[in-house]
PDB file of N, CA and C in Angstrom:
ATOM      1  N   MET A   1     -28.849 -20.068 -22.457  1.00  0.00           N
ATOM      2  CA  MET A   1     -27.600 -19.189 -22.581  1.00  0.00           C
ATOM      3  C   MET A   1     -26.406 -19.566 -21.519  1.00  0.00           C
ATOM      4  N   THR A   2     -25.198 -20.130 -22.308  1.00  0.00           N
ATOM      5  CA  THR A   2     -24.150 -20.584 -21.817  1.00  0.00           C
ATOM      6  C   THR A   2     -23.054 -19.736 -21.650  1.00  0.00           C
ATOM      7  N   ARG A   3     -22.129 -19.939 -20.557  1.00  0.00           N
ATOM      8  CA  ARG A   3     -21.069 -19.091 -20.545  1.00  0.00           C
ATOM      9  C   ARG A   3     -19.582 -19.882 -21.310  1.00  0.00           C
ATOM     10  N   GLY A   4     -19.795 -20.688 -21.777  1.00  0.00           N
ATOM     11  CA  GLY A   4     -18.620 -21.698 -22.542  1.00  0.00           C
ATOM     12  C   GLY A   4     -17.697 -21.927 -21.444  1.00  0.00           C
ATOM     13  N   ASN A   5     -16.232 -22.026 -21.501  1.00  0.00           N
ATOM     14  CA  ASN A   5     -15.789 -22.412 -20.275  1.00  0.00           C
ATOM     15  C   ASN A   5     -15.106 -21.532 -19.428  1.00  0.00           C
ATOM     16  N   GLN A   6     -15.788 -20.347 -19.618  1.00  0.00           N
ATOM     17  CA  GLN A   6     -15.483 -18.927 -18.762  1.00  0.00           C
ATOM     18  C   GLN A   6     -15.338 -19.291 -17.532  1.00  0.00           C
ATOM     19  N   ARG A   7     -16.755 -20.247 -16.886  1.00  0.00           N
ATOM     20  CA  ARG A   7     -16.824 -20.625 -15.530  1.00  0.00           C
ATOM     21  C   ARG A   7     -15.138 -21.525 -15.056  1.00  0.00           C
ATOM     22  N   GLU A   8     -15.138 -22.293 -16.025  1.00  0.00           N
ATOM     23  CA  GLU A   8     -13.937 -23.008 -15.489  1.00  0.00           C
ATOM     24  C   GLU A   8     -12.516 -22.441 -15.725  1.00  0.00           C
ATOM     25  N   GLN A   9     -12.582 -21.614 -16.398  1.00  0.00           N
ATOM     26  CA  GLN A   9     -10.942 -20.706 -16.131  1.00  0.00           C
ATOM     27  C   GLN A   9     -11.068 -19.910 -15.265  1.00  0.00           C
ATOM     28  N   ASP A  10     -12.424 -19.337 -14.841  1.00  0.00           N
ATOM     29  CA  ASP A  10     -12.198 -18.744 -13.244  1.00  0.00           C
ATOM     30  C   ASP A  10     -12.020 -19.558 -12.353  1.00  0.00           C
ATOM     31  N   ARG A  11     -12.380 -20.402 -12.404  1.00  0.00           N
ATOM     32  CA  ARG A  11     -12.200 -21.573 -11.447  1.00  0.00           C
ATOM     33  C   ARG A  11     -10.667 -21.645 -10.963  1.00  0.00           C
ATOM     34  N   GLN A  12     -10.012 -21.936 -12.115  1.00  0.00           N
ATOM     35  CA  GLN A  12      -8.643 -22.069 -12.380  1.00  0.00           C
ATOM     36  C   GLN A  12      -7.626 -21.062 -11.945  1.00  0.00           C
ATOM     37  N   LYS A  13      -8.197 -19.808 -12.415  1.00  0.00           N
ATOM     38  CA  LYS A  13      -7.646 -18.772 -11.759  1.00  0.00           C
ATOM     39  C   LYS A  13      -7.651 -18.428 -10.281  1.00  0.00           C
ATOM     40  N   ALA A  14      -8.976 -18.808  -9.815  1.00  0.00           N
ATOM     41  CA  ALA A  14      -9.141 -18.690  -8.308  1.00  0.00           C
ATOM     42  C   ALA A  14      -8.152 -19.592  -7.491  1.00  0.00           C
ATOM     43  N   GLN A  15      -7.803 -20.590  -8.311  1.00  0.00           N
ATOM     44  CA  GLN A  15      -7.048 -21.712  -7.464  1.00  0.00           C
ATOM     45  C   GLN A  15      -5.652 -21.443  -7.594  1.00  0.00           C
ATOM     46  N   LYS A  16      -5.045 -20.620  -8.596  1.00  0.00           N
ATOM     47  CA  LYS A  16      -3.914 -20.164  -8.710  1.00  0.00           C
ATOM     48  C   LYS A  16      -3.486 -19.432  -7.656  1.00  0.00           C
ATOM     49  N   LYS A  17      -4.607 -18.221  -7.690  1.00  0.00           N
ATOM     50  CA  LYS A  17      -4.368 -17.128  -6.689  1.00  0.00           C
ATOM     51  C   LYS A  17      -4.261 -17.641  -5.278  1.00  0.00           C
ATOM     52  N   ALA A  18      -5.322 -18.630  -5.292  1.00  0.00           N
ATOM     53  CA  ALA A  18      -5.267 -18.880  -3.699  1.00  0.00           C
ATOM     54  C   ALA A  18      -3.878 -19.938  -3.397  1.00  0.00           C
ATOM     55  N   ALA A  19      -3.323 -20.441  -4.569  1.00  0.00           N
ATOM     56  CA  ALA A  19      -2.049 -21.168  -4.204  1.00  0.00           C
ATOM     57  C   ALA A  19      -1.039 -20.216  -3.893  1.00  0.00           C
ATOM     58  N   ALA A  20      -0.796 -19.200  -4.704  1.00  0.00           N
ATOM     59  CA  ALA A  20       0.416 -17.897  -4.364  1.00  0.00           C
ATOM     60  C   ALA A  20      -0.239 -17.152  -3.136  1.00  0.00           C
ATOM     61  N   ALA A  21      -1.106 -17.473  -2.556  1.00  0.00           N
ATOM     62  CA  ALA A  21      -1.480 -16.206  -1.029  1.00  0.00           C
ATOM     63  C   ALA A  21      -1.076 -17.294  -0.075  1.00  0.00           C
ATOM     64  N   LYS A  22      -1.144 -18.714  -0.457  1.00  0.00           N
ATOM     65  CA  LYS A  22      -0.801 -19.645   0.682  1.00  0.00           C
ATOM     66  C   LYS A  22       0.625 -20.123   0.950  1.00  0.00           C
ATOM     67  N   GLY A  23       1.521 -19.533   0.505  1.00  0.00           N
ATOM     68  CA  GLY A  23       2.831 -19.504   0.329  1.00  0.00           C
ATOM     69  C   GLY A  23       3.593 -18.517   1.068  1.00  0.00           C
ATOM     70  N   LYS A  24       2.958 -17.175   1.361  1.00  0.00           N
ATOM     71  CA  LYS A  24       3.179 -16.296   1.827  1.00  0.00           C
ATOM     72  C   LYS A  24       3.069 -16.089   3.455  1.00  0.00           C
ATOM     73  N   PRO A  25       4.245 -16.017   4.057  1.00  0.00           N
ATOM     74  CA  PRO A  25       3.730 -15.966   5.782  1.00  0.00           C
ATOM     75  C   PRO A  25       3.360 -14.515   5.678  1.00  0.00           C
ATOM     76  N   LYS A  26       2.422 -14.893   6.811  1.00  0.00           N
ATOM     77  CA  LYS A  26       1.739 -14.099   7.302  1.00  0.00           C
ATOM     78  C   LYS A  26       2.692 -12.759   8.084  1.00  0.00           C
ATOM     79  N   GLU A  27       2.302 -11.558   8.535  1.00  0.00           N
ATOM     80  CA  GLU A  27       3.021 -10.902   9.078  1.00  0.00           C
ATOM     81  C   GLU A  27       2.104 -10.676  10.381  1.00  0.00           C
ATOM     82  N   SER A  28       3.458 -10.635  11.585  1.00  0.00           N
ATOM     83  CA  SER A  28       2.750 -10.829  12.664  1.00  0.00           C
ATOM     84  C   SER A  28       2.326  -9.304  13.162  1.00  0.00           C
ATOM     85  N   ALA A  29       1.362  -9.265  14.273  1.00  0.00           N
ATOM     86  CA  ALA A  29       1.056  -8.216  14.582  1.00  0.00           C
ATOM     87  C   ALA A  29       2.116  -6.972  15.102  1.00  0.00           C
ATOM     88  N   ALA A  30       3.169  -7.563  15.761  1.00  0.00           N
ATOM     89  CA  ALA A  30       4.039  -6.200  15.998  1.00  0.00           C
ATOM     90  C   ALA A  30       4.954  -5.901  14.914  1.00  0.00           C
ATOM     91  N   SER A  31       5.540  -6.481  14.091  1.00  0.00           N
ATOM     92  CA  SER A  31       5.775  -6.514  12.952  1.00  0.00           C
ATOM     93  C   SER A  31       4.948  -5.336  12.075  1.00  0.00           C
ATOM     94  N   LEU A  32       3.459  -5.894  12.031  1.00  0.00           N
ATOM     95  CA  LEU A  32       2.610  -4.490  10.931  1.00  0.00           C
ATOM     96  C   LEU A  32       2.656  -3.332  11.844  1.00  0.00           C
ATOM     97  N   GLN A  33       2.481  -3.149  12.946  1.00  0.00           N
ATOM     98  CA  GLN A  33       2.483  -1.844  14.091  1.00  0.00           C
ATOM     99  C   GLN A  33       3.885  -1.173  13.492  1.00  0.00           C
ATOM    100  N   LYS A  34       4.797  -1.918  13.855  1.00  0.00           N
ATOM    101  CA  LYS A  34       6.316  -1.186  13.582  1.00  0.00           C
ATOM    102  C   LYS A  34       6.109  -0.490  11.877  1.00  0.00           C
ATOM    103  N   ARG A  35       5.609  -1.630  11.236  1.00  0.00           N
ATOM    104  CA  ARG A  35       5.647  -0.751   9.836  1.00  0.00           C
ATOM    105  C   ARG A  35       4.841   0.119   9.824  1.00  0.00           C
ATOM    106  N   LYS A  36       3.565   0.399  10.057  1.00  0.00           N
ATOM    107  CA  LYS A  36       2.712   1.322   9.777  1.00  0.00           C
ATOM    108  C   LYS A  36       3.114   2.457  10.753  1.00  0.00           C
ATOM    109  N   GLU A  37       4.093   2.618  11.700  1.00  0.00           N
ATOM    110  CA  GLU A  37       4.673   3.758  12.719  1.00  0.00           C
ATOM    111  C   GLU A  37       5.711   4.143  11.622  1.00  0.00           C
ATOM    112  N   GLN A  38       6.302   3.292  11.129  1.00  0.00           N
ATOM    113  CA  GLN A  38       7.263   3.969  10.112  1.00  0.00           C
ATOM    114  C   GLN A  38       6.795   4.172   8.984  1.00  0.00           C
ATOM    115  N   ASP A  39       5.854   4.028   8.518  1.00  0.00           N
ATOM    116  CA  ASP A  39       5.215   4.591   7.246  1.00  0.00           C
ATOM    117  C   ASP A  39       4.514   5.972   7.585  1.00  0.00           C
ATOM    118  N   ALA A  40       4.258   6.076   8.806  1.00  0.00           N
ATOM    119  CA  ALA A  40       3.690   7.283   8.996  1.00  0.00           C
ATOM    120  C   ALA A  40       4.940   8.356   9.401  1.00  0.00           C
ATOM    121  N   GLU A  41       5.799   7.972   9.701  1.00  0.00           N
ATOM    122  CA  GLU A  41       6.795   8.855  10.023  1.00  0.00           C
ATOM    123  C   GLU A  41       7.707   9.258   8.847  1.00  0.00           C
ATOM    124  N   ASN A  42       7.376   8.333   7.965  1.00  0.00           N
ATOM    125  CA  ASN A  42       8.042   8.792   6.530  1.00  0.00           C
ATOM    126  C   ASN A  42       6.906   9.915   5.782  1.00  0.00           C
ATOM    127  N   LEU A  43       5.734   9.496   6.117  1.00  0.00           N
ATOM    128  CA  LEU A  43       5.017  10.850   5.232  1.00  0.00           C
ATOM    129  C   LEU A  43       4.779  11.969   6.394  1.00  0.00           C
ATOM    130  N   ARG A  44       5.225  12.205   7.226  1.00  0.00           N
ATOM    131  CA  ARG A  44       5.365  13.005   7.910  1.00  0.00           C
ATOM    132  C   ARG A  44       6.583  13.958   7.461  1.00  0.00           C
ATOM    133  N   SER A  45       7.532  13.118   7.518  1.00  0.00           N
ATOM    134  CA  SER A  45       8.598  14.228   7.418  1.00  0.00           C
ATOM    135  C   SER A  45       9.132  14.380   5.602  1.00  0.00           C
ATOM    136  N   LYS A  46       8.168  13.661   4.637  1.00  0.00           N
ATOM    137  CA  LYS A  46       7.512  14.513   3.461  1.00  0.00           C
ATOM    138  C   LYS A  46       6.605  15.656   3.308  1.00  0.00           C
ATOM    139  N   GLN A  47       6.140  15.514   4.280  1.00  0.00           N
ATOM    140  CA  GLN A  47       4.748  16.676   4.411  1.00  0.00           C
ATOM    141  C   GLN A  47       5.918  17.857   4.990  1.00  0.00           C
ATOM    142  N   LYS A  48       6.622  17.608   5.888  1.00  0.00           N
ATOM    143  CA  LYS A  48       7.509  18.834   6.523  1.00  0.00           C
ATOM    144  C   LYS A  48       8.181  19.289   5.485  1.00  0.00           C
ATOM    145  N   LYS A  49       9.132  18.524   4.772  1.00  0.00           N
ATOM    146  CA  LYS A  49      10.086  19.085   3.706  1.00  0.00           C
ATOM    147  C   LYS A  49       9.019  19.831   2.605  1.00  0.00           C
ATOM    148  N   LYS A  50       7.914  19.323   2.196  1.00  0.00           N
ATOM    149  CA  LYS A  50       7.112  19.806   1.379  1.00  0.00           C
ATOM    150  C   LYS A  50       6.646  21.389   1.865  1.00  0.00           C
ATOM    151  N   GLU A  51       6.390  21.351   2.939  1.00  0.00           N
ATOM    152  CA  GLU A  51       6.023  22.477   3.608  1.00  0.00           C
ATOM    153  C   GLU A  51       6.888  23.639   3.449  1.00  0.00           C
ATOM    154  N   GLU A  52       8.230  23.303   4.226  1.00  0.00           N
ATOM    155  CA  GLU A  52       9.385  23.579   3.805  1.00  0.00           C
ATOM    156  C   GLU A  52       9.741  24.411   2.829  1.00  0.00           C
ATOM    157  N   ALA A  53       9.679  23.602   1.765  1.00  0.00           N
ATOM    158  CA  ALA A  53       9.779  24.118  -0.154  1.00  0.00           C
ATOM    159  C   ALA A  53       8.605  25.332  -0.192  1.00  0.00           C
ATOM    160  N   GLU A  54       7.682  25.147   0.337  1.00  0.00           N
ATOM    161  CA  GLU A  54       6.602  25.926  -0.305  1.00  0.00           C
ATOM    162  C   GLU A  54       6.711  27.344   0.562  1.00  0.00           C
ATOM    163  N   LYS A  55       7.439  27.419   1.721  1.00  0.00           N
ATOM    164  CA  LYS A  55       7.777  28.731   2.576  1.00  0.00           C
ATOM    165  C   LYS A  55       8.633  29.107   2.025  1.00  0.00           C
ATOM    166  N   ALA A  56       9.744  28.583   1.205  1.00  0.00           N
ATOM    167  CA  ALA A  56      10.796  28.985   1.013  1.00  0.00           C
ATOM    168  C   ALA A  56      10.488  29.601  -0.688  1.00  0.00           C
ATOM    169  N   ALA A  57       9.739  29.027  -1.201  1.00  0.00           N
ATOM    170  CA  ALA A  57       9.368  29.557  -2.532  1.00  0.00           C
ATOM    171  C   ALA A  57       8.187  30.944  -2.204  1.00  0.00           C
ATOM    172  N   THR A  58       7.179  30.872  -1.310  1.00  0.00           N
ATOM    173  CA  THR A  58       6.991  32.052  -0.984  1.00  0.00           C
ATOM    174  C   THR A  58       7.602  32.900  -0.553  1.00  0.00           C
ATOM    175  N   GLY A  59       8.862  33.180   0.016  1.00  0.00           N
ATOM    176  CA  GLY A  59       9.531  33.956   0.623  1.00  0.00           C
ATOM    177  C   GLY A  59       9.194  34.152   2.077  1.00  0.00           C
ATOM    178  N   GLY A  60       8.974  33.087   2.805  1.00  0.00           N
ATOM    179  CA  GLY A  60       9.094  32.707   4.017  1.00  0.00           C
ATOM    180  C   GLY A  60       7.764  32.963   4.805  1.00  0.00           C
ATOM    181  N   GLY A  61       6.697  33.387   3.825  1.00  0.00           N
ATOM    182  CA  GLY A  61       5.068  33.073   4.595  1.00  0.00           C
ATOM    183  C   GLY A  61       4.951  34.441   6.124  1.00  0.00           C
ATOM    184  N   GLY A  62       5.995  35.057   6.354  1.00  0.00           N
ATOM    185  CA  GLY A  62       5.776  36.284   7.214  1.00  0.00           C
ATOM    186  C   GLY A  62       4.709  37.141   6.940  1.00  0.00           C
ATOM    187  N   LYS A  63       4.059  37.548   8.499  1.00  0.00           N
ATOM    188  CA  LYS A  63       3.048  38.673   8.413  1.00  0.00           C
ATOM    189  C   LYS A  63       3.302  39.784   8.081  1.00  0.00           C
TER     190      LYS A  63
END
């Protein structure tokens, strides 16, 4: 049982992928940490806005 040219096509695809990844600059640890902190802050602000909208929709949520 043979795979035909599938093996060769997969090999070429992997080479193209490796070549594309090789040209990208790696992110430094400092910039990675800064980006993670910014993403977390953005998510917190979105969550806060959503909670405020839910409170307004339910009439304040008081006891």
